Amino acid sequence: MKLTDKKIYLASKSPRRRELLRQVGVEFELLMLRGDPARGIDLSEDVLPGEDPHTYVARVAKEKGAFAWNILQMRRQPLRPILTADTTVTVDGEILGKPADNAEAVAMLERLSGRTHQVLTSVAIQAERITDQITQVSEVRFAKLTPAQIKAYCATTEPYDKAGGYGIQGLAALFVEHIEGSHSGIMGLPLFETAILLRKAGYQI
């Protein structure tokens, strides 16, 4: 099968990443990895013992790409570049994942309140003749949040499918005093770095 640059595969369940690719006119087809424990998980996103945030996010994004490429070959689908990404939020060197419940979401927002944290998004491209990756790091400073603000936000659906318990593209934009880095990276896909990787893989953007 011949590699084509007319379309890519996106191996991600994130609606934000789909929106960002559409924003810049990238044509893609979804290539889904299983994440339901009842049906079996294709790839674990657990943090390994002693793993720092940068190593963790880069490893997960790369492993997603390698696994997705194997799926593509097994299914005998057309070979196109596969884009994968992983985002994590870190404060004091600790990784904040997706909150499992309201109590975890509240605790995360309380911890982020009135201080600066880092958002790391690693983007990987897997193709027939190229494997490449870039990790983008942004700094986000939250205003001091009141207990009422935190309670109201955690009563919405926003915190529960997002690393760090918030999404900058939603209501939590009201919490952000300052960012340094990439707004799209904080959303889950740094578009400048993504374009670099796609061009290396032969996709015209």
N, C-alpha and C. Protein backbone atom coordinates (compact mmCIF):
# COMPACT_ATOMS: atom_id res chain seq x y z
N MET A 1 0.84 -1.20 0.00
CA MET A 1 0.00 0.00 0.00
C MET A 1 0.87 1.25 0.00
N LYS A 2 0.43 2.25 -0.70
CA LYS A 2 1.20 3.48 -0.84
C LYS A 2 0.71 4.54 0.14
N LEU A 3 1.67 5.25 0.76
CA LEU A 3 1.35 6.33 1.68
C LEU A 3 0.76 7.50 0.92
N THR A 4 -0.35 8.03 1.41
CA THR A 4 -0.96 9.20 0.79
C THR A 4 -0.96 10.37 1.75
N ASP A 5 -0.84 11.60 1.22
CA ASP A 5 -0.81 12.78 2.09
C ASP A 5 -2.11 13.58 2.00
N LYS A 6 -3.15 12.97 1.44
CA LYS A 6 -4.41 13.70 1.29
C LYS A 6 -5.22 13.75 2.58
N LYS A 7 -4.98 12.81 3.46
CA LYS A 7 -5.73 12.73 4.71
C LYS A 7 -4.86 12.04 5.74
N ILE A 8 -5.09 12.34 7.02
CA ILE A 8 -4.38 11.66 8.09
C ILE A 8 -5.37 10.90 8.96
N TYR A 9 -4.83 10.06 9.83
CA TYR A 9 -5.63 9.45 10.87
C TYR A 9 -5.38 10.21 12.18
N LEU A 10 -6.43 10.40 12.95
CA LEU A 10 -6.31 10.96 14.29
C LEU A 10 -6.70 9.87 15.27
N ALA A 11 -5.74 9.43 16.06
CA ALA A 11 -6.00 8.40 17.07
C ALA A 11 -6.23 9.09 18.40
N SER A 12 -7.42 9.62 18.57
CA SER A 12 -7.77 10.35 19.79
C SER A 12 -9.28 10.42 19.94
N LYS A 13 -9.73 10.33 21.19
CA LYS A 13 -11.16 10.48 21.47
C LYS A 13 -11.53 11.93 21.77
N SER A 14 -10.53 12.80 21.83
CA SER A 14 -10.76 14.18 22.26
C SER A 14 -11.50 15.01 21.22
N PRO A 15 -12.67 15.55 21.56
CA PRO A 15 -13.37 16.44 20.63
C PRO A 15 -12.63 17.75 20.40
N ARG A 16 -11.83 18.18 21.41
CA ARG A 16 -11.06 19.41 21.22
C ARG A 16 -10.02 19.24 20.12
N ARG A 17 -9.37 18.10 20.05
CA ARG A 17 -8.35 17.90 19.00
C ARG A 17 -9.00 17.86 17.62
N ARG A 18 -10.17 17.29 17.54
CA ARG A 18 -10.88 17.29 16.25
C ARG A 18 -11.21 18.72 15.83
N GLU A 19 -11.71 19.51 16.77
CA GLU A 19 -12.05 20.90 16.46
C GLU A 19 -10.83 21.69 16.01
N LEU A 20 -9.70 21.48 16.65
CA LEU A 20 -8.49 22.23 16.31
C LEU A 20 -7.97 21.85 14.92
N LEU A 21 -8.02 20.56 14.57
CA LEU A 21 -7.60 20.15 13.24
C LEU A 21 -8.52 20.73 12.17
N ARG A 22 -9.81 20.71 12.44
CA ARG A 22 -10.75 21.31 11.48
C ARG A 22 -10.50 22.81 11.34
N GLN A 23 -10.13 23.45 12.44
CA GLN A 23 -9.86 24.89 12.42
C GLN A 23 -8.79 25.27 11.40
N VAL A 24 -7.79 24.41 11.23
CA VAL A 24 -6.70 24.71 10.30
C VAL A 24 -6.81 23.91 9.01
N GLY A 25 -7.96 23.28 8.78
CA GLY A 25 -8.22 22.64 7.50
C GLY A 25 -7.56 21.30 7.27
N VAL A 26 -7.19 20.61 8.35
CA VAL A 26 -6.58 19.28 8.20
C VAL A 26 -7.68 18.23 8.08
N GLU A 27 -7.65 17.46 6.99
CA GLU A 27 -8.61 16.38 6.80
C GLU A 27 -8.13 15.13 7.54
N PHE A 28 -9.04 14.52 8.29
CA PHE A 28 -8.63 13.36 9.08
C PHE A 28 -9.76 12.35 9.17
N GLU A 29 -9.34 11.13 9.50
CA GLU A 29 -10.26 10.04 9.79
C GLU A 29 -9.92 9.52 11.18
N LEU A 30 -10.93 9.25 11.99
CA LEU A 30 -10.67 8.78 13.35
C LEU A 30 -10.21 7.33 13.35
N LEU A 31 -9.22 7.04 14.17
CA LEU A 31 -8.74 5.69 14.39
C LEU A 31 -8.76 5.49 15.90
N MET A 32 -9.79 4.84 16.38
CA MET A 32 -10.05 4.80 17.82
C MET A 32 -9.32 3.65 18.50
N LEU A 33 -8.76 3.96 19.68
CA LEU A 33 -8.18 2.95 20.56
C LEU A 33 -9.18 2.70 21.69
N ARG A 34 -9.28 1.45 22.11
CA ARG A 34 -10.25 1.13 23.16
C ARG A 34 -9.77 1.65 24.51
N GLY A 35 -10.72 2.23 25.29
CA GLY A 35 -10.38 2.72 26.62
C GLY A 35 -11.34 2.24 27.69
N ASP A 36 -12.22 1.30 27.34
CA ASP A 36 -13.22 0.79 28.27
C ASP A 36 -12.67 -0.46 28.95
N PRO A 37 -12.44 -0.40 30.28
CA PRO A 37 -11.88 -1.57 30.97
C PRO A 37 -12.73 -2.83 30.79
N ALA A 38 -14.05 -2.67 30.64
CA ALA A 38 -14.92 -3.84 30.48
C ALA A 38 -14.66 -4.57 29.17
N ARG A 39 -14.21 -3.84 28.15
CA ARG A 39 -13.95 -4.45 26.84
C ARG A 39 -12.45 -4.68 26.61
N GLY A 40 -11.65 -4.25 27.56
CA GLY A 40 -10.21 -4.37 27.39
C GLY A 40 -9.62 -3.05 26.93
N ILE A 41 -8.53 -2.63 27.55
CA ILE A 41 -7.87 -1.37 27.20
C ILE A 41 -6.71 -1.66 26.27
N ASP A 42 -6.66 -0.94 25.15
CA ASP A 42 -5.57 -1.14 24.20
C ASP A 42 -4.24 -0.64 24.74
N LEU A 43 -4.30 0.45 25.51
CA LEU A 43 -3.06 1.08 25.96
C LEU A 43 -3.30 1.73 27.32
N SER A 44 -2.52 1.35 28.32
CA SER A 44 -2.67 1.94 29.65
C SER A 44 -1.99 3.31 29.68
N GLU A 45 -2.65 4.26 30.35
CA GLU A 45 -2.08 5.59 30.53
C GLU A 45 -1.65 5.82 31.97
N ASP A 46 -1.42 4.74 32.71
CA ASP A 46 -0.96 4.86 34.09
C ASP A 46 0.46 5.43 34.11
N VAL A 47 0.74 6.22 35.13
CA VAL A 47 2.08 6.77 35.32
C VAL A 47 2.97 5.68 35.89
N LEU A 48 4.14 5.50 35.30
CA LEU A 48 5.08 4.50 35.80
C LEU A 48 5.79 5.02 37.04
N PRO A 49 6.23 4.13 37.92
CA PRO A 49 6.93 4.56 39.14
C PRO A 49 8.15 5.44 38.80
N GLY A 50 8.21 6.59 39.46
CA GLY A 50 9.35 7.49 39.27
C GLY A 50 9.34 8.28 37.98
N GLU A 51 8.25 8.20 37.20
CA GLU A 51 8.20 8.86 35.90
C GLU A 51 7.84 10.34 36.07
N ASP A 52 8.66 11.22 35.50
CA ASP A 52 8.38 12.65 35.58
C ASP A 52 7.37 13.04 34.51
N PRO A 53 6.71 14.20 34.66
CA PRO A 53 5.64 14.58 33.73
C PRO A 53 6.06 14.62 32.27
N HIS A 54 7.24 15.17 31.96
CA HIS A 54 7.68 15.28 30.57
C HIS A 54 7.89 13.90 29.95
N THR A 55 8.55 13.02 30.69
CA THR A 55 8.78 11.66 30.19
C THR A 55 7.46 10.92 30.02
N TYR A 56 6.55 11.10 30.98
CA TYR A 56 5.26 10.43 30.93
C TYR A 56 4.46 10.82 29.70
N VAL A 57 4.28 12.12 29.48
CA VAL A 57 3.41 12.56 28.40
C VAL A 57 4.00 12.20 27.03
N ALA A 58 5.32 12.25 26.92
CA ALA A 58 5.97 11.88 25.66
C ALA A 58 5.85 10.38 25.40
N ARG A 59 6.01 9.59 26.45
CA ARG A 59 5.91 8.13 26.28
C ARG A 59 4.51 7.73 25.85
N VAL A 60 3.49 8.28 26.50
CA VAL A 60 2.12 7.88 26.18
C VAL A 60 1.76 8.26 24.75
N ALA A 61 2.12 9.48 24.33
CA ALA A 61 1.82 9.90 22.96
C ALA A 61 2.52 9.00 21.94
N LYS A 62 3.77 8.65 22.22
CA LYS A 62 4.53 7.79 21.29
C LYS A 62 3.95 6.38 21.25
N GLU A 63 3.58 5.85 22.41
CA GLU A 63 3.03 4.49 22.44
C GLU A 63 1.68 4.44 21.74
N LYS A 64 0.88 5.49 21.86
CA LYS A 64 -0.39 5.55 21.14
C LYS A 64 -0.15 5.44 19.63
N GLY A 65 0.85 6.17 19.14
CA GLY A 65 1.15 6.15 17.71
C GLY A 65 1.60 4.79 17.22
N ALA A 66 2.50 4.16 17.98
CA ALA A 66 3.00 2.85 17.59
C ALA A 66 1.89 1.81 17.59
N PHE A 67 1.04 1.87 18.60
CA PHE A 67 -0.07 0.91 18.68
C PHE A 67 -1.06 1.13 17.55
N ALA A 68 -1.38 2.40 17.28
CA ALA A 68 -2.32 2.71 16.21
C ALA A 68 -1.78 2.27 14.85
N TRP A 69 -0.48 2.41 14.63
CA TRP A 69 0.11 1.99 13.37
C TRP A 69 -0.03 0.48 13.18
N ASN A 70 0.16 -0.27 14.25
CA ASN A 70 -0.01 -1.72 14.18
C ASN A 70 -1.45 -2.09 13.85
N ILE A 71 -2.41 -1.38 14.45
CA ILE A 71 -3.82 -1.61 14.16
C ILE A 71 -4.11 -1.35 12.68
N LEU A 72 -3.54 -0.26 12.17
CA LEU A 72 -3.75 0.12 10.77
C LEU A 72 -3.27 -0.99 9.84
N GLN A 73 -2.11 -1.54 10.13
CA GLN A 73 -1.56 -2.60 9.28
C GLN A 73 -2.37 -3.89 9.39
N MET A 74 -2.81 -4.21 10.61
CA MET A 74 -3.60 -5.43 10.79
C MET A 74 -4.94 -5.34 10.07
N ARG A 75 -5.51 -4.15 10.04
CA ARG A 75 -6.80 -3.96 9.38
C ARG A 75 -6.65 -3.77 7.87
N ARG A 76 -5.41 -3.65 7.41
CA ARG A 76 -5.11 -3.43 6.00
C ARG A 76 -5.82 -2.17 5.46
N GLN A 77 -5.84 -1.15 6.28
CA GLN A 77 -6.39 0.13 5.85
C GLN A 77 -5.33 0.93 5.10
N PRO A 78 -5.74 1.92 4.32
CA PRO A 78 -4.76 2.74 3.60
C PRO A 78 -3.75 3.35 4.56
N LEU A 79 -2.49 3.31 4.18
CA LEU A 79 -1.44 3.84 5.03
C LEU A 79 -1.36 5.36 4.89
N ARG A 80 -1.68 6.04 5.97
CA ARG A 80 -1.58 7.49 6.05
C ARG A 80 -0.88 7.84 7.36
N PRO A 81 -0.36 9.04 7.49
CA PRO A 81 0.21 9.45 8.78
C PRO A 81 -0.83 9.37 9.90
N ILE A 82 -0.38 8.92 11.06
CA ILE A 82 -1.24 8.86 12.24
C ILE A 82 -0.78 9.92 13.23
N LEU A 83 -1.70 10.74 13.66
CA LEU A 83 -1.41 11.77 14.65
C LEU A 83 -1.95 11.33 16.00
N THR A 84 -1.09 11.37 17.01
CA THR A 84 -1.51 11.07 18.38
C THR A 84 -1.02 12.19 19.29
N ALA A 85 -1.65 12.32 20.43
CA ALA A 85 -1.24 13.35 21.38
C ALA A 85 -1.65 12.94 22.78
N ASP A 86 -0.96 13.50 23.75
CA ASP A 86 -1.35 13.31 25.14
C ASP A 86 -1.07 14.61 25.89
N THR A 87 -1.97 14.95 26.80
CA THR A 87 -1.85 16.19 27.57
C THR A 87 -1.88 15.87 29.05
N THR A 88 -1.01 16.52 29.79
CA THR A 88 -1.04 16.38 31.24
C THR A 88 -0.83 17.73 31.89
N VAL A 89 -1.37 17.86 33.07
CA VAL A 89 -1.21 19.06 33.89
C VAL A 89 -0.33 18.70 35.07
N THR A 90 0.61 19.57 35.39
CA THR A 90 1.51 19.29 36.50
C THR A 90 1.69 20.52 37.37
N VAL A 91 1.75 20.28 38.66
CA VAL A 91 2.03 21.34 39.63
C VAL A 91 2.93 20.73 40.70
N ASP A 92 3.98 21.47 41.05
CA ASP A 92 4.97 20.97 42.02
C ASP A 92 5.56 19.63 41.58
N GLY A 93 5.67 19.44 40.26
CA GLY A 93 6.24 18.20 39.74
C GLY A 93 5.31 17.01 39.78
N GLU A 94 4.08 17.20 40.24
CA GLU A 94 3.11 16.11 40.33
C GLU A 94 2.12 16.17 39.18
N ILE A 95 1.82 15.02 38.60
CA ILE A 95 0.88 14.93 37.49
C ILE A 95 -0.55 14.92 38.03
N LEU A 96 -1.39 15.81 37.47
CA LEU A 96 -2.80 15.83 37.82
C LEU A 96 -3.58 15.24 36.65
N GLY A 97 -4.16 14.10 36.85
CA GLY A 97 -4.91 13.45 35.78
C GLY A 97 -6.34 13.95 35.70
N LYS A 98 -7.22 13.12 35.18
CA LYS A 98 -8.63 13.48 35.08
C LYS A 98 -9.31 13.11 36.40
N PRO A 99 -10.03 14.04 37.00
CA PRO A 99 -10.68 13.73 38.29
C PRO A 99 -11.73 12.64 38.14
N ALA A 100 -11.75 11.73 39.10
CA ALA A 100 -12.69 10.62 39.06
C ALA A 100 -14.06 11.01 39.59
N ASP A 101 -14.10 12.03 40.44
CA ASP A 101 -15.37 12.43 41.04
C ASP A 101 -15.31 13.89 41.46
N ASN A 102 -16.39 14.36 42.06
CA ASN A 102 -16.49 15.75 42.45
C ASN A 102 -15.43 16.13 43.48
N ALA A 103 -15.18 15.26 44.43
CA ALA A 103 -14.19 15.56 45.47
C ALA A 103 -12.80 15.77 44.87
N GLU A 104 -12.42 14.92 43.91
CA GLU A 104 -11.12 15.07 43.26
C GLU A 104 -11.06 16.34 42.43
N ALA A 105 -12.14 16.66 41.75
CA ALA A 105 -12.18 17.88 40.94
C ALA A 105 -12.02 19.11 41.82
N VAL A 106 -12.74 19.15 42.93
CA VAL A 106 -12.64 20.27 43.86
C VAL A 106 -11.21 20.39 44.40
N ALA A 107 -10.62 19.27 44.78
CA ALA A 107 -9.26 19.29 45.32
C ALA A 107 -8.26 19.81 44.29
N MET A 108 -8.43 19.44 43.02
CA MET A 108 -7.51 19.91 41.97
C MET A 108 -7.64 21.42 41.79
N LEU A 109 -8.88 21.91 41.70
CA LEU A 109 -9.08 23.35 41.51
C LEU A 109 -8.57 24.14 42.71
N GLU A 110 -8.73 23.62 43.91
CA GLU A 110 -8.19 24.28 45.10
C GLU A 110 -6.67 24.37 45.04
N ARG A 111 -6.08 23.34 44.50
CA ARG A 111 -4.61 23.32 44.40
C ARG A 111 -4.09 24.28 43.34
N LEU A 112 -4.85 24.43 42.25
CA LEU A 112 -4.42 25.32 41.16
C LEU A 112 -4.74 26.78 41.45
N SER A 113 -5.65 27.02 42.37
CA SER A 113 -6.11 28.38 42.67
C SER A 113 -4.97 29.30 43.10
N GLY A 114 -4.89 30.47 42.44
CA GLY A 114 -3.95 31.50 42.85
C GLY A 114 -2.49 31.22 42.56
N ARG A 115 -2.22 30.30 41.64
CA ARG A 115 -0.82 29.96 41.36
C ARG A 115 -0.63 29.51 39.92
N THR A 116 0.62 29.27 39.56
CA THR A 116 0.97 28.87 38.19
C THR A 116 1.20 27.36 38.13
N HIS A 117 0.68 26.75 37.06
CA HIS A 117 0.94 25.33 36.81
C HIS A 117 1.38 25.17 35.36
N GLN A 118 1.81 23.98 35.01
CA GLN A 118 2.27 23.70 33.65
C GLN A 118 1.31 22.72 32.96
N VAL A 119 1.12 22.97 31.66
CA VAL A 119 0.35 22.05 30.81
C VAL A 119 1.29 21.54 29.73
N LEU A 120 1.48 20.25 29.68
CA LEU A 120 2.36 19.62 28.69
C LEU A 120 1.51 18.84 27.70
N THR A 121 1.70 19.11 26.42
CA THR A 121 1.07 18.30 25.39
C THR A 121 2.14 17.77 24.45
N SER A 122 2.22 16.47 24.35
CA SER A 122 3.16 15.84 23.43
C SER A 122 2.40 15.35 22.21
N VAL A 123 2.89 15.72 21.03
CA VAL A 123 2.28 15.34 19.76
C VAL A 123 3.25 14.42 19.03
N ALA A 124 2.73 13.31 18.52
CA ALA A 124 3.57 12.36 17.78
C ALA A 124 2.96 12.08 16.42
N ILE A 125 3.82 11.89 15.44
CA ILE A 125 3.39 11.50 14.10
C ILE A 125 4.04 10.16 13.76
N GLN A 126 3.24 9.23 13.32
CA GLN A 126 3.72 7.91 12.94
C GLN A 126 3.33 7.68 11.49
N ALA A 127 4.32 7.42 10.67
CA ALA A 127 4.06 7.15 9.26
C ALA A 127 4.98 6.03 8.81
N GLU A 128 4.92 5.72 7.52
CA GLU A 128 5.65 4.57 7.00
C GLU A 128 7.16 4.75 7.13
N ARG A 129 7.64 5.97 6.91
CA ARG A 129 9.09 6.20 6.92
C ARG A 129 9.51 7.24 7.95
N ILE A 130 8.62 7.64 8.82
CA ILE A 130 8.96 8.67 9.78
C ILE A 130 8.21 8.48 11.09
N THR A 131 8.94 8.65 12.18
CA THR A 131 8.34 8.74 13.51
C THR A 131 8.97 9.96 14.16
N ASP A 132 8.14 10.91 14.54
CA ASP A 132 8.67 12.15 15.11
C ASP A 132 7.72 12.64 16.20
N GLN A 133 8.23 13.54 17.03
CA GLN A 133 7.47 13.94 18.20
C GLN A 133 7.96 15.29 18.70
N ILE A 134 7.02 16.10 19.20
CA ILE A 134 7.36 17.37 19.85
C ILE A 134 6.50 17.48 21.11
N THR A 135 7.11 17.89 22.21
CA THR A 135 6.37 18.15 23.44
C THR A 135 6.38 19.65 23.70
N GLN A 136 5.20 20.22 23.80
CA GLN A 136 5.04 21.66 24.02
C GLN A 136 4.63 21.89 25.48
N VAL A 137 5.27 22.89 26.11
CA VAL A 137 5.00 23.19 27.52
C VAL A 137 4.49 24.61 27.65
N SER A 138 3.35 24.77 28.30
CA SER A 138 2.79 26.10 28.57
C SER A 138 2.64 26.30 30.07
N GLU A 139 2.70 27.56 30.48
CA GLU A 139 2.46 27.90 31.87
C GLU A 139 1.14 28.66 31.98
N VAL A 140 0.35 28.29 32.96
CA VAL A 140 -0.98 28.89 33.16
C VAL A 140 -1.07 29.37 34.60
N ARG A 141 -1.45 30.63 34.77
CA ARG A 141 -1.65 31.16 36.13
C ARG A 141 -3.13 31.39 36.38
N PHE A 142 -3.64 30.76 37.42
CA PHE A 142 -5.03 30.95 37.83
C PHE A 142 -5.13 32.10 38.82
N ALA A 143 -6.24 32.82 38.76
CA ALA A 143 -6.57 33.76 39.81
C ALA A 143 -6.92 32.99 41.09
N LYS A 144 -6.99 33.71 42.18
CA LYS A 144 -7.44 33.08 43.43
C LYS A 144 -8.93 32.81 43.31
N LEU A 145 -9.31 31.55 43.45
CA LEU A 145 -10.70 31.16 43.27
C LEU A 145 -11.40 31.06 44.63
N THR A 146 -12.65 31.46 44.64
CA THR A 146 -13.44 31.33 45.86
C THR A 146 -14.02 29.92 45.95
N PRO A 147 -14.35 29.46 47.15
CA PRO A 147 -15.01 28.16 47.27
C PRO A 147 -16.28 28.06 46.44
N ALA A 148 -17.02 29.18 46.33
CA ALA A 148 -18.25 29.17 45.54
C ALA A 148 -17.96 28.97 44.06
N GLN A 149 -16.90 29.61 43.56
CA GLN A 149 -16.52 29.43 42.15
C GLN A 149 -16.15 27.98 41.86
N ILE A 150 -15.36 27.41 42.75
CA ILE A 150 -14.92 26.03 42.56
C ILE A 150 -16.11 25.07 42.61
N LYS A 151 -16.99 25.28 43.57
CA LYS A 151 -18.17 24.42 43.71
C LYS A 151 -19.05 24.50 42.47
N ALA A 152 -19.27 25.72 41.99
CA ALA A 152 -20.13 25.90 40.82
C ALA A 152 -19.52 25.26 39.58
N TYR A 153 -18.22 25.41 39.40
CA TYR A 153 -17.56 24.83 38.22
C TYR A 153 -17.60 23.31 38.29
N CYS A 154 -17.36 22.75 39.46
CA CYS A 154 -17.33 21.29 39.59
C CYS A 154 -18.71 20.67 39.55
N ALA A 155 -19.74 21.51 39.61
CA ALA A 155 -21.11 21.01 39.44
C ALA A 155 -21.47 20.86 37.96
N THR A 156 -20.63 21.38 37.06
CA THR A 156 -20.84 21.20 35.63
C THR A 156 -20.17 19.91 35.19
N THR A 157 -20.29 19.60 33.90
CA THR A 157 -19.65 18.38 33.38
C THR A 157 -18.21 18.65 32.92
N GLU A 158 -17.79 19.90 32.92
CA GLU A 158 -16.50 20.24 32.31
C GLU A 158 -15.28 19.56 32.93
N PRO A 159 -15.16 19.45 34.25
CA PRO A 159 -13.88 19.00 34.80
C PRO A 159 -13.54 17.53 34.55
N TYR A 160 -14.52 16.69 34.22
CA TYR A 160 -14.36 15.25 34.44
C TYR A 160 -13.73 14.46 33.29
N ASP A 161 -13.50 15.09 32.16
CA ASP A 161 -12.79 14.37 31.09
C ASP A 161 -11.53 15.13 30.68
N LYS A 162 -11.01 15.94 31.61
CA LYS A 162 -9.88 16.79 31.28
C LYS A 162 -8.78 16.69 32.33
N ALA A 163 -7.54 16.60 31.87
CA ALA A 163 -6.40 16.58 32.78
C ALA A 163 -6.39 17.87 33.60
N GLY A 164 -6.17 17.72 34.90
CA GLY A 164 -6.14 18.88 35.76
C GLY A 164 -7.50 19.36 36.20
N GLY A 165 -8.55 18.77 35.65
CA GLY A 165 -9.90 19.10 36.08
C GLY A 165 -10.47 20.39 35.51
N TYR A 166 -9.92 20.85 34.38
CA TYR A 166 -10.51 22.05 33.77
C TYR A 166 -10.20 22.08 32.28
N GLY A 167 -10.99 22.87 31.55
CA GLY A 167 -10.73 23.10 30.13
C GLY A 167 -10.68 24.59 29.86
N ILE A 168 -9.58 25.07 29.30
CA ILE A 168 -9.41 26.51 29.09
C ILE A 168 -10.38 27.04 28.04
N GLN A 169 -10.91 26.16 27.19
CA GLN A 169 -11.84 26.59 26.15
C GLN A 169 -13.26 26.74 26.66
N GLY A 170 -13.49 26.40 27.92
CA GLY A 170 -14.83 26.47 28.49
C GLY A 170 -14.94 27.53 29.57
N LEU A 171 -15.75 27.22 30.58
CA LEU A 171 -16.00 28.17 31.67
C LEU A 171 -14.74 28.52 32.45
N ALA A 172 -13.77 27.61 32.48
CA ALA A 172 -12.55 27.85 33.24
C ALA A 172 -11.69 28.96 32.64
N ALA A 173 -12.01 29.41 31.44
CA ALA A 173 -11.30 30.56 30.88
C ALA A 173 -11.41 31.77 31.81
N LEU A 174 -12.48 31.82 32.61
CA LEU A 174 -12.67 32.92 33.56
C LEU A 174 -11.67 32.88 34.71
N PHE A 175 -11.02 31.74 34.90
CA PHE A 175 -10.07 31.60 36.01
C PHE A 175 -8.65 32.03 35.63
N VAL A 176 -8.38 32.14 34.34
CA VAL A 176 -7.00 32.28 33.85
C VAL A 176 -6.56 33.74 33.81
N GLU A 177 -5.57 34.07 34.63
CA GLU A 177 -5.00 35.41 34.63
C GLU A 177 -3.98 35.60 33.52
N HIS A 178 -3.20 34.55 33.25
CA HIS A 178 -2.10 34.70 32.30
C HIS A 178 -1.69 33.33 31.78
N ILE A 179 -1.34 33.27 30.49
CA ILE A 179 -0.73 32.07 29.94
C ILE A 179 0.55 32.44 29.22
N GLU A 180 1.48 31.54 29.25
CA GLU A 180 2.73 31.70 28.50
C GLU A 180 2.95 30.39 27.75
N GLY A 181 2.84 30.46 26.43
CA GLY A 181 2.99 29.24 25.64
C GLY A 181 1.98 29.17 24.53
N SER A 182 1.25 28.07 24.44
CA SER A 182 0.34 27.80 23.33
C SER A 182 -1.07 27.58 23.84
N HIS A 183 -2.00 28.45 23.42
CA HIS A 183 -3.39 28.27 23.84
C HIS A 183 -3.95 26.96 23.30
N SER A 184 -3.65 26.64 22.04
CA SER A 184 -4.14 25.38 21.47
C SER A 184 -3.48 24.18 22.14
N GLY A 185 -2.23 24.36 22.59
CA GLY A 185 -1.56 23.29 23.33
C GLY A 185 -2.23 23.01 24.65
N ILE A 186 -2.68 24.07 25.32
CA ILE A 186 -3.40 23.90 26.58
C ILE A 186 -4.73 23.20 26.33
N MET A 187 -5.33 23.44 25.18
CA MET A 187 -6.57 22.74 24.82
C MET A 187 -6.32 21.27 24.50
N GLY A 188 -5.10 20.93 24.09
CA GLY A 188 -4.81 19.52 23.82
C GLY A 188 -4.09 19.23 22.53
N LEU A 189 -3.82 20.27 21.70
CA LEU A 189 -3.11 20.04 20.45
C LEU A 189 -2.43 21.34 20.00
N PRO A 190 -1.14 21.51 20.28
CA PRO A 190 -0.45 22.73 19.85
C PRO A 190 -0.33 22.77 18.33
N LEU A 191 -1.03 23.70 17.70
CA LEU A 191 -1.15 23.67 16.25
C LEU A 191 0.15 24.01 15.53
N PHE A 192 0.95 24.91 16.07
CA PHE A 192 2.22 25.24 15.41
C PHE A 192 3.10 24.01 15.33
N GLU A 193 3.27 23.31 16.45
CA GLU A 193 4.11 22.12 16.47
C GLU A 193 3.50 20.98 15.65
N THR A 194 2.17 20.88 15.67
CA THR A 194 1.50 19.85 14.88
C THR A 194 1.75 20.05 13.39
N ALA A 195 1.70 21.31 12.94
CA ALA A 195 1.96 21.60 11.53
C ALA A 195 3.37 21.21 11.13
N ILE A 196 4.34 21.45 12.02
CA ILE A 196 5.73 21.06 11.73
C ILE A 196 5.82 19.55 11.49
N LEU A 197 5.19 18.78 12.37
CA LEU A 197 5.25 17.32 12.24
C LEU A 197 4.53 16.83 10.99
N LEU A 198 3.38 17.41 10.69
CA LEU A 198 2.64 16.98 9.50
C LEU A 198 3.42 17.27 8.23
N ARG A 199 4.07 18.42 8.16
CA ARG A 199 4.88 18.72 6.97
C ARG A 199 6.02 17.73 6.81
N LYS A 200 6.64 17.34 7.92
CA LYS A 200 7.72 16.35 7.85
C LYS A 200 7.22 15.02 7.30
N ALA A 201 5.95 14.72 7.59
CA ALA A 201 5.35 13.47 7.12
C ALA A 201 4.78 13.57 5.72
N GLY A 202 4.89 14.75 5.10
CA GLY A 202 4.45 14.92 3.72
C GLY A 202 3.06 15.47 3.56
N TYR A 203 2.41 15.85 4.68
CA TYR A 203 1.07 16.42 4.58
C TYR A 203 1.20 17.92 4.32
N GLN A 204 0.49 18.40 3.31
CA GLN A 204 0.58 19.81 2.93
C GLN A 204 -0.38 20.66 3.78
N ILE A 205 0.20 21.52 4.61
CA ILE A 205 -0.60 22.38 5.47
C ILE A 205 0.02 23.79 5.49
